[in-house]
């Protein structure tokens, strides 16, 4: 027999008020609010989206095969024309096609290197900050300090010299060298929230450390890590370009921007600077765009700007 009370509806899986309290949601809302009035960040984001589209559609956008050579007097070192909008290089290859495919290489290096850096640095930072003690002071952070004490480029050159230059080795070693920065950032955030009431409450109800780190600490780390990733992407591009320029990065005939600039530089005074213009512009625009986006995200994370309308 019914007791006369109406059945209650099941609670929603995620209420709007609960969503608004999530750290990643607040960070995203702050980023969007700041981006509306930060014109350089908007321009940088648009350029990044454009480079992403070019990288994804490189086979469709490239007017020629980037590896096809034509070593005849008429085909090499041509200045820009309707047939070759950015000219040709010393092997008769279309520079614009190689620059377009170089966009794909640049994005691949950035994504993989940052993925490795985040995958190594964030878990180590979480573990060091939460566990503390000897594991933090004598093991994890001493290794981090040792890596950060070495000049990054020299360390990369030493490892590349031992393992051999290649695209894979370049991505891995750059990611490993960048990982300590993410570890130190994560550790600092964890130490700042380690004694918060909600962390103590989670411990009191018997939540295991892995769950506390994953459910309560990691969401607070995501937004600062996003800012660091957007800022470090520019440094990763410049590092890879420098390695390829001196022959220690991506190896020919793979169309990497740094290698293309090196080829153009060697013949700039005798045959013209056209072979290096397109890849150099690509490096400049992509680096500036990542810096603009990173500055915008950093402003969005500034507590002094969050409540500004």
Protein backbone atom coordinates (compact mmCIF):
# COMPACT_ATOMS: atom_id res chain seq x y z
CA UNK A 1 0.00 0.00 0.00
CA UNK A 2 1.27 3.42 -0.83
CA UNK A 3 2.10 5.74 2.03
CA UNK A 4 0.82 8.74 0.08
CA UNK A 5 4.18 10.30 -0.61
CA UNK A 6 5.16 11.06 -4.18
CA UNK A 7 8.22 9.25 -5.50
CA UNK A 8 11.30 11.40 -5.59
CA UNK A 9 13.17 11.92 -8.82
CA UNK A 10 16.65 10.53 -9.06
CA UNK A 11 19.31 13.19 -8.52
CA UNK A 12 21.10 14.33 -11.65
CA UNK A 13 24.48 12.83 -12.29
CA UNK A 14 26.14 16.20 -12.35
CA UNK A 15 24.43 19.41 -11.28
CA UNK A 16 25.38 22.79 -12.67
CA UNK A 17 26.47 23.93 -9.23
CA UNK A 18 28.69 20.87 -8.87
CA UNK A 19 30.16 21.46 -12.30
CA UNK A 20 30.95 25.05 -11.42
CA UNK A 21 32.98 23.90 -8.42
CA UNK A 22 35.31 21.70 -10.44
CA UNK A 23 38.81 23.24 -10.77
CA UNK A 24 39.15 22.43 -14.44
CA UNK A 25 35.77 24.07 -15.18
CA UNK A 26 36.70 27.24 -13.30
CA UNK A 27 40.03 27.34 -15.13
CA UNK A 28 38.37 26.93 -18.53
CA UNK A 29 35.84 29.64 -17.75
CA UNK A 30 38.60 32.00 -16.60
CA UNK A 31 40.62 31.30 -19.74
CA UNK A 32 37.67 32.04 -22.02
CA UNK A 33 36.81 35.22 -20.12
CA UNK A 34 40.35 36.58 -20.35
CA UNK A 35 40.74 35.50 -23.98
CA UNK A 36 37.77 37.64 -24.99
CA UNK A 37 39.71 40.80 -24.19
CA UNK A 38 43.25 39.53 -24.89
CA UNK A 39 43.67 40.14 -28.60
CA UNK A 40 47.20 38.70 -28.94
CA UNK A 41 46.03 35.47 -27.31
CA UNK A 42 43.07 35.26 -29.70
CA UNK A 43 45.32 35.90 -32.70
CA UNK A 44 47.79 33.29 -31.43
CA UNK A 45 45.01 30.73 -30.96
CA UNK A 46 43.72 31.35 -34.49
CA UNK A 47 47.21 30.95 -35.94
CA UNK A 48 47.73 27.73 -33.98
CA UNK A 49 44.46 26.36 -35.29
CA UNK A 50 45.57 27.29 -38.79
CA UNK A 51 48.89 25.50 -38.36
CA UNK A 52 47.03 22.49 -36.99
CA UNK A 53 44.79 22.39 -40.06
CA UNK A 54 47.82 22.68 -42.34
CA UNK A 55 49.54 19.83 -40.51
CA UNK A 56 46.47 17.61 -40.69
CA UNK A 57 45.85 18.31 -44.38
CA UNK A 58 49.48 18.47 -45.49
CA UNK A 59 49.14 15.81 -48.24
CA UNK A 60 46.18 17.71 -49.71
CA UNK A 61 47.64 21.22 -49.40
CA UNK A 62 51.19 20.54 -50.61
CA UNK A 63 51.46 21.33 -54.33
CA UNK A 64 54.20 18.72 -54.88
CA UNK A 65 55.92 15.74 -53.30
CA UNK A 66 58.28 17.19 -50.64
CA UNK A 67 60.87 14.47 -51.33
CA UNK A 68 60.81 14.61 -55.13
CA UNK A 69 64.12 15.86 -56.53
CA UNK A 70 64.94 17.22 -59.98
CA UNK A 71 68.63 17.98 -60.26
CA UNK A 72 68.72 19.91 -63.50
CA UNK A 73 70.08 23.40 -64.06
CA UNK A 74 66.59 24.75 -64.70
CA UNK A 75 65.01 23.14 -61.61
CA UNK A 76 67.39 24.00 -58.74
CA UNK A 77 67.41 27.25 -56.77
CA UNK A 78 64.45 28.74 -58.59
CA UNK A 79 63.05 31.93 -57.16
CA UNK A 80 59.32 32.03 -56.29
CA UNK A 81 57.04 31.62 -59.29
CA UNK A 82 53.55 30.37 -60.08
CA UNK A 83 54.93 26.86 -60.42
CA UNK A 84 56.83 27.04 -57.11
CA UNK A 85 55.36 29.71 -54.84
CA UNK A 86 58.30 29.55 -52.39
CA UNK A 87 60.97 28.55 -54.88
CA UNK A 88 63.04 25.37 -55.04
CA UNK A 89 66.10 24.21 -53.11
CA UNK A 90 69.48 22.83 -54.18
CA UNK A 91 67.90 19.49 -55.15
CA UNK A 92 65.01 21.00 -57.06
CA UNK A 93 62.46 20.19 -54.34
CA UNK A 94 59.46 22.46 -53.86
CA UNK A 95 60.17 24.57 -50.75
CA UNK A 96 56.52 25.31 -49.99
CA UNK A 97 55.64 21.61 -50.00
CA UNK A 98 58.53 20.85 -47.66
CA UNK A 99 57.52 23.72 -45.36
CA UNK A 100 53.93 22.43 -45.23
CA UNK A 101 55.09 18.94 -44.28
CA UNK A 102 57.52 20.55 -41.84
CA UNK A 103 54.46 21.89 -40.01
CA UNK A 104 53.40 18.29 -39.38
CA UNK A 105 56.88 17.44 -38.04
CA UNK A 106 56.83 20.47 -35.73
CA UNK A 107 53.42 19.58 -34.29
CA UNK A 108 54.44 15.96 -33.86
CA UNK A 109 57.53 16.94 -31.89
CA UNK A 110 55.60 19.39 -29.69
CA UNK A 111 52.79 16.94 -28.89
CA UNK A 112 55.02 13.94 -28.21
CA UNK A 113 57.67 15.87 -26.24
CA UNK A 114 55.08 17.61 -24.04
CA UNK A 115 53.25 14.32 -23.58
CA UNK A 116 56.45 12.68 -22.35
CA UNK A 117 57.27 15.65 -20.10
CA UNK A 118 53.79 15.68 -18.56
CA UNK A 119 53.65 11.88 -18.29
CA UNK A 120 56.92 11.83 -16.37
CA UNK A 121 56.85 15.10 -14.47
CA UNK A 122 53.29 15.27 -13.15
CA UNK A 123 53.22 11.78 -11.49
CA UNK A 124 56.65 12.37 -9.97
CA UNK A 125 55.55 15.77 -8.66
CA UNK A 126 52.35 14.34 -7.21
CA UNK A 127 54.24 11.54 -5.49
CA UNK A 128 57.01 13.77 -4.17
CA UNK A 129 54.60 16.42 -2.84
CA UNK A 130 52.11 14.06 -1.23
CA UNK A 131 54.43 11.41 0.22
CA UNK A 132 57.27 13.77 1.14
CA UNK A 133 60.04 12.63 3.43
CA UNK A 134 63.10 10.85 2.08
CA UNK A 135 61.36 9.85 -1.15
CA UNK A 136 60.87 13.52 -1.90
CA UNK A 137 64.07 15.08 -0.59
CA UNK A 138 66.63 12.36 -1.28
CA UNK A 139 65.32 10.61 -4.39
CA UNK A 140 62.83 12.35 -6.67
CA UNK A 141 63.75 16.00 -6.24
CA UNK A 142 67.49 15.33 -6.20
CA UNK A 143 67.18 13.62 -9.58
CA UNK A 144 65.06 16.54 -10.79
CA UNK A 145 67.61 19.05 -9.52
CA UNK A 146 70.45 17.14 -11.16
CA UNK A 147 68.72 17.23 -14.55
CA UNK A 148 67.78 20.90 -14.21
CA UNK A 149 71.33 21.82 -13.17
CA UNK A 150 72.68 20.69 -16.54
CA UNK A 151 72.34 23.02 -19.55
CA UNK A 152 69.44 21.56 -21.47
CA UNK A 153 70.92 21.88 -24.95
CA UNK A 154 74.24 20.34 -23.92
CA UNK A 155 72.45 17.43 -22.24
CA UNK A 156 70.34 16.88 -25.36
CA UNK A 157 73.41 16.99 -27.61
CA UNK A 158 75.22 14.50 -25.39
CA UNK A 159 72.33 12.03 -25.46
CA UNK A 160 71.72 12.49 -29.18
CA UNK A 161 75.42 11.98 -29.81
CA UNK A 162 75.30 8.69 -27.92
CA UNK A 163 72.05 7.39 -29.40
CA UNK A 164 72.22 8.91 -32.87
CA UNK A 165 70.15 11.77 -34.34
CA UNK A 166 66.63 10.91 -35.43
CA UNK A 167 63.08 12.19 -35.07
CA UNK A 168 62.22 9.62 -32.38
CA UNK A 169 65.33 10.27 -30.29
CA UNK A 170 64.82 14.01 -30.55
CA UNK A 171 61.24 13.84 -29.27
CA UNK A 172 62.12 11.52 -26.38
CA UNK A 173 65.15 13.40 -25.09
CA UNK A 174 63.43 16.80 -25.35
CA UNK A 175 60.49 15.42 -23.37
CA UNK A 176 62.77 13.97 -20.69
CA UNK A 177 64.71 17.23 -20.35
CA UNK A 178 61.48 19.24 -20.02
CA UNK A 179 59.93 16.86 -17.46
CA UNK A 180 61.66 18.30 -14.33
CA UNK A 181 59.90 21.63 -14.82
CA UNK A 182 56.52 19.90 -14.68
CA UNK A 183 57.62 17.88 -11.65
CA UNK A 184 58.64 20.97 -9.68
CA UNK A 185 55.45 22.83 -10.63
CA UNK A 186 53.24 19.89 -9.62
CA UNK A 187 55.12 19.34 -6.36
CA UNK A 188 54.71 22.99 -5.39
CA UNK A 189 50.97 22.92 -6.02
CA UNK A 190 50.54 19.67 -4.08
CA UNK A 191 52.49 21.06 -1.12
CA UNK A 192 50.26 24.16 -1.10
CA UNK A 193 47.01 22.14 -0.94
CA UNK A 194 48.25 19.15 1.03
CA UNK A 195 46.87 20.43 4.34
CA UNK A 196 43.53 21.69 3.01
CA UNK A 197 40.37 20.61 4.83
CA UNK A 198 39.03 18.51 1.97
CA UNK A 199 42.31 16.57 1.80
CA UNK A 200 42.16 15.90 5.55
CA UNK A 201 38.53 14.82 5.15
CA UNK A 202 39.47 12.38 2.40
CA UNK A 203 42.15 10.88 4.63
CA UNK A 204 39.72 10.67 7.54
CA UNK A 205 37.23 8.55 5.59
CA UNK A 206 40.00 6.16 4.60
CA UNK A 207 40.58 7.18 0.98
CA UNK A 208 43.82 5.61 -0.29
CA UNK A 209 46.66 7.96 -1.30
CA UNK A 210 46.31 7.07 -4.99
CA UNK A 211 42.66 8.14 -4.96
CA UNK A 212 43.42 11.36 -3.09
CA UNK A 213 46.11 12.29 -5.57
CA UNK A 214 43.96 11.40 -8.57
CA UNK A 215 40.60 12.81 -7.48
CA UNK A 216 41.52 15.76 -5.25
CA UNK A 217 45.03 16.94 -6.19
CA UNK A 218 45.36 16.27 -9.90
CA UNK A 219 42.43 18.56 -10.90
CA UNK A 220 44.21 21.47 -9.22
CA UNK A 221 47.33 20.74 -11.26
CA UNK A 222 45.71 20.59 -14.69
CA UNK A 223 45.32 24.32 -15.33
CA UNK A 224 48.88 25.36 -14.34
CA UNK A 225 50.27 22.45 -16.35
CA UNK A 226 48.30 23.65 -19.39
CA UNK A 227 49.87 27.10 -19.01
CA UNK A 228 53.36 25.63 -18.69
CA UNK A 229 52.77 23.37 -21.70
CA UNK A 230 51.71 26.26 -23.92
CA UNK A 231 54.75 28.29 -22.89
CA UNK A 232 57.23 25.42 -23.16
CA UNK A 233 55.97 24.47 -26.64
CA UNK A 234 57.74 27.51 -28.08
CA UNK A 235 61.01 26.45 -26.44
CA UNK A 236 60.60 22.91 -27.75
CA UNK A 237 60.16 24.17 -31.31
CA UNK A 238 63.25 26.38 -31.06
CA UNK A 239 65.27 23.55 -29.51
CA UNK A 240 64.33 21.13 -32.26
CA UNK A 241 65.03 23.73 -34.92
CA UNK A 242 68.45 24.38 -33.42
CA UNK A 243 69.25 20.67 -33.30
CA UNK A 244 68.18 20.17 -36.91
CA UNK A 245 70.13 23.28 -37.94
CA UNK A 246 73.40 21.78 -36.70
CA UNK A 247 72.54 18.30 -37.96
CA UNK A 248 71.76 16.74 -34.56
CA UNK A 249 67.99 16.61 -34.91
CA UNK A 250 65.65 15.39 -37.62
CA UNK A 251 67.72 14.04 -40.47
CA UNK A 252 67.31 14.74 -44.19
CA UNK A 253 65.43 14.19 -46.38
CA UNK A 254 62.66 14.57 -43.74
CA UNK A 255 61.37 18.15 -44.17
CA UNK A 256 62.13 19.70 -40.76
CA UNK A 257 62.14 23.48 -40.53
CA UNK A 258 65.52 23.71 -38.82
CA UNK A 259 67.18 21.56 -41.46
CA UNK A 260 65.57 23.59 -44.24
CA UNK A 261 66.87 26.82 -42.71
CA UNK A 262 70.36 25.27 -42.50
CA UNK A 263 70.27 24.28 -46.18
CA UNK A 264 69.15 27.74 -47.18
CA UNK A 265 71.74 29.42 -44.95
CA UNK A 266 74.60 27.54 -46.57
CA UNK A 267 73.67 28.84 -50.02
CA UNK A 268 72.18 32.18 -49.05
CA UNK A 269 75.05 34.36 -50.26
CA UNK A 270 75.63 32.53 -53.52
CA UNK A 271 72.21 31.38 -54.71
CA UNK A 272 69.68 33.47 -52.78
CA UNK A 273 67.78 33.19 -49.52
CA UNK A 274 64.50 31.82 -50.90
CA UNK A 275 64.95 28.25 -49.57
CA UNK A 276 64.97 29.47 -45.95
CA UNK A 277 62.22 32.10 -46.04
CA UNK A 278 59.20 29.76 -45.72
CA UNK A 279 60.56 27.56 -42.90
CA UNK A 280 61.91 30.58 -41.02
CA UNK A 281 58.50 32.27 -41.18
CA UNK A 282 56.91 29.04 -39.97
CA UNK A 283 59.21 28.92 -36.93
CA UNK A 284 58.62 32.59 -36.11
CA UNK A 285 54.83 32.44 -36.41
CA UNK A 286 54.44 29.20 -34.49
CA UNK A 287 56.73 30.29 -31.65
CA UNK A 288 55.03 33.69 -31.36
CA UNK A 289 51.59 32.04 -31.40
CA UNK A 290 52.47 29.66 -28.58
CA UNK A 291 53.88 32.56 -26.57
CA UNK A 292 50.73 34.66 -27.11
CA UNK A 293 48.49 31.75 -26.11
CA UNK A 294 50.66 30.95 -23.10
CA UNK A 295 50.61 34.58 -21.93
CA UNK A 296 46.83 34.62 -22.27
CA UNK A 297 46.45 31.44 -20.26
CA UNK A 298 48.85 32.74 -17.62
CA UNK A 299 46.77 35.91 -17.29
CA UNK A 300 43.65 33.78 -16.98
CA UNK A 301 45.20 31.84 -14.11
CA UNK A 302 46.14 35.05 -12.25
CA UNK A 303 43.75 35.34 -9.28
CA UNK A 304 43.84 39.13 -9.59
CA UNK A 305 42.23 38.89 -13.03
CA UNK A 306 39.64 36.18 -12.43
CA UNK A 307 36.91 38.50 -11.18
CA UNK A 308 37.58 41.24 -13.71
CA UNK A 309 34.58 41.69 -16.00
